[in-house]
Amino acid sequence: MADLVDSRRMSAKFENQQPNWTPGRQTAYHVLTFGWLIDELMRRIDPKQRNVAEFFRDEIARVYGK
């Protein structure tokens, strides 16, 4: 459970994960891992290194008064 609330630990787990099959032969993502992957991608491409929730709050919800 501690891993699930620590984005750095989850990121490290994904980075160190070995492929389950030969790359390029098959692809699949679980609904839970997809969210973690998108969140980490957002942190890495956003200049402010915000997660998805922070980005949404700052750039979308506040802009539209929500």
C-alpha atoms as a PDB file:
ATOM      1  CA  MET A   1       0.000   0.000   0.000  1.00  0.00           C
ATOM      2  CA  ALA A   2       2.912   2.362   0.694  1.00  0.00           C
ATOM      3  CA  ASP A   3       3.956   2.083  -2.956  1.00  0.00           C
ATOM      4  CA  LEU A   4       0.563   3.255  -4.183  1.00  0.00           C
ATOM      5  CA  VAL A   5       0.827   6.634  -2.478  1.00  0.00           C
ATOM      6  CA  ASP A   6       4.444   7.308  -3.443  1.00  0.00           C
ATOM      7  CA  SER A   7       4.813   8.462  -7.048  1.00  0.00           C
ATOM      8  CA  ARG A   8       8.611   8.178  -6.956  1.00  0.00           C
ATOM      9  CA  ARG A   9       8.487   4.555  -5.833  1.00  0.00           C
ATOM     10  CA  MET A  10       5.900   3.704  -8.488  1.00  0.00           C
ATOM     11  CA  SER A  11       7.969   5.433 -11.154  1.00  0.00           C
ATOM     12  CA  ALA A  12      11.024   3.408 -10.143  1.00  0.00           C
ATOM     13  CA  LYS A  13       9.000   0.179 -10.332  1.00  0.00           C
ATOM     14  CA  PHE A  14       7.912   0.968 -13.894  1.00  0.00           C
ATOM     15  CA  GLU A  15      11.400   1.983 -14.952  1.00  0.00           C
ATOM     16  CA  ASN A  16      12.855  -1.278 -13.645  1.00  0.00           C
ATOM     17  CA  GLN A  17      10.081  -3.548 -14.959  1.00  0.00           C
ATOM     18  CA  GLN A  18      11.263  -6.146 -17.454  1.00  0.00           C
ATOM     19  CA  PRO A  19       9.029  -6.738 -20.509  1.00  0.00           C
ATOM     20  CA  ASN A  20       6.515  -9.565 -20.161  1.00  0.00           C
ATOM     21  CA  TRP A  21       7.061 -10.463 -23.830  1.00  0.00           C
ATOM     22  CA  THR A  22       9.316  -9.550 -26.738  1.00  0.00           C
ATOM     23  CA  PRO A  23       9.052  -5.783 -27.374  1.00  0.00           C
ATOM     24  CA  GLY A  24       7.086  -5.018 -30.522  1.00  0.00           C
ATOM     25  CA  ARG A  25       5.198  -8.317 -30.489  1.00  0.00           C
ATOM     26  CA  GLN A  26       2.381  -7.421 -28.121  1.00  0.00           C
ATOM     27  CA  THR A  27       1.128  -4.576 -25.963  1.00  0.00           C
ATOM     28  CA  ALA A  28      -1.279  -4.272 -23.053  1.00  0.00           C
ATOM     29  CA  TYR A  29      -1.822  -1.986 -20.095  1.00  0.00           C
ATOM     30  CA  HIS A  30      -3.871  -2.536 -16.994  1.00  0.00           C
ATOM     31  CA  VAL A  31      -6.278   0.238 -16.037  1.00  0.00           C
ATOM     32  CA  LEU A  32      -4.281   0.991 -12.871  1.00  0.00           C
ATOM     33  CA  THR A  33      -0.857   1.036 -14.490  1.00  0.00           C
ATOM     34  CA  PHE A  34      -2.091   3.260 -17.317  1.00  0.00           C
ATOM     35  CA  GLY A  35      -2.983   5.979 -14.813  1.00  0.00           C
ATOM     36  CA  TRP A  36       0.450   5.806 -13.199  1.00  0.00           C
ATOM     37  CA  LEU A  37       2.141   5.967 -16.599  1.00  0.00           C
ATOM     38  CA  ILE A  38       0.148   9.037 -17.671  1.00  0.00           C
ATOM     39  CA  ASP A  39       0.794  10.739 -14.329  1.00  0.00           C
ATOM     40  CA  GLU A  40       4.543  10.182 -14.628  1.00  0.00           C
ATOM     41  CA  LEU A  41       4.536  11.356 -18.239  1.00  0.00           C
ATOM     42  CA  MET A  42       2.780  14.556 -17.160  1.00  0.00           C
ATOM     43  CA  ARG A  43       5.334  15.162 -14.397  1.00  0.00           C
ATOM     44  CA  ARG A  44       8.193  14.761 -16.857  1.00  0.00           C
ATOM     45  CA  ILE A  45       6.847  16.974 -19.653  1.00  0.00           C
ATOM     46  CA  ASP A  46       5.299  19.739 -17.534  1.00  0.00           C
ATOM     47  CA  PRO A  47       7.835  22.514 -16.802  1.00  0.00           C
ATOM     48  CA  LYS A  48       6.370  22.791 -13.274  1.00  0.00           C
ATOM     49  CA  GLN A  49       6.503  18.993 -12.796  1.00  0.00           C
ATOM     50  CA  ARG A  50       2.860  18.819 -11.722  1.00  0.00           C
ATOM     51  CA  ASN A  51       0.923  15.578 -11.614  1.00  0.00           C
ATOM     52  CA  VAL A  52      -2.280  15.121 -13.620  1.00  0.00           C
ATOM     53  CA  ALA A  53      -4.535  16.373 -10.814  1.00  0.00           C
ATOM     54  CA  GLU A  54      -2.461  19.502 -10.237  1.00  0.00           C
ATOM     55  CA  PHE A  55      -2.247  20.235 -13.966  1.00  0.00           C
ATOM     56  CA  PHE A  56      -6.004  19.826 -14.385  1.00  0.00           C
ATOM     57  CA  ARG A  57      -6.734  22.047 -11.384  1.00  0.00           C
ATOM     58  CA  ASP A  58      -4.344  24.814 -12.481  1.00  0.00           C
ATOM     59  CA  GLU A  59      -4.804  24.813 -16.238  1.00  0.00           C
ATOM     60  CA  ILE A  60      -8.417  23.728 -16.734  1.00  0.00           C
ATOM     61  CA  ALA A  61     -10.602  23.889 -13.611  1.00  0.00           C
ATOM     62  CA  ARG A  62      -9.438  27.316 -12.446  1.00  0.00           C
ATOM     63  CA  VAL A  63      -9.595  28.757 -15.954  1.00  0.00           C
ATOM     64  CA  TYR A  64     -13.242  27.735 -16.248  1.00  0.00           C
ATOM     65  CA  GLY A  65     -14.176  28.583 -12.646  1.00  0.00           C
ATOM     66  CA  LYS A  66     -14.654  25.064 -11.404  1.00  0.00           C
END
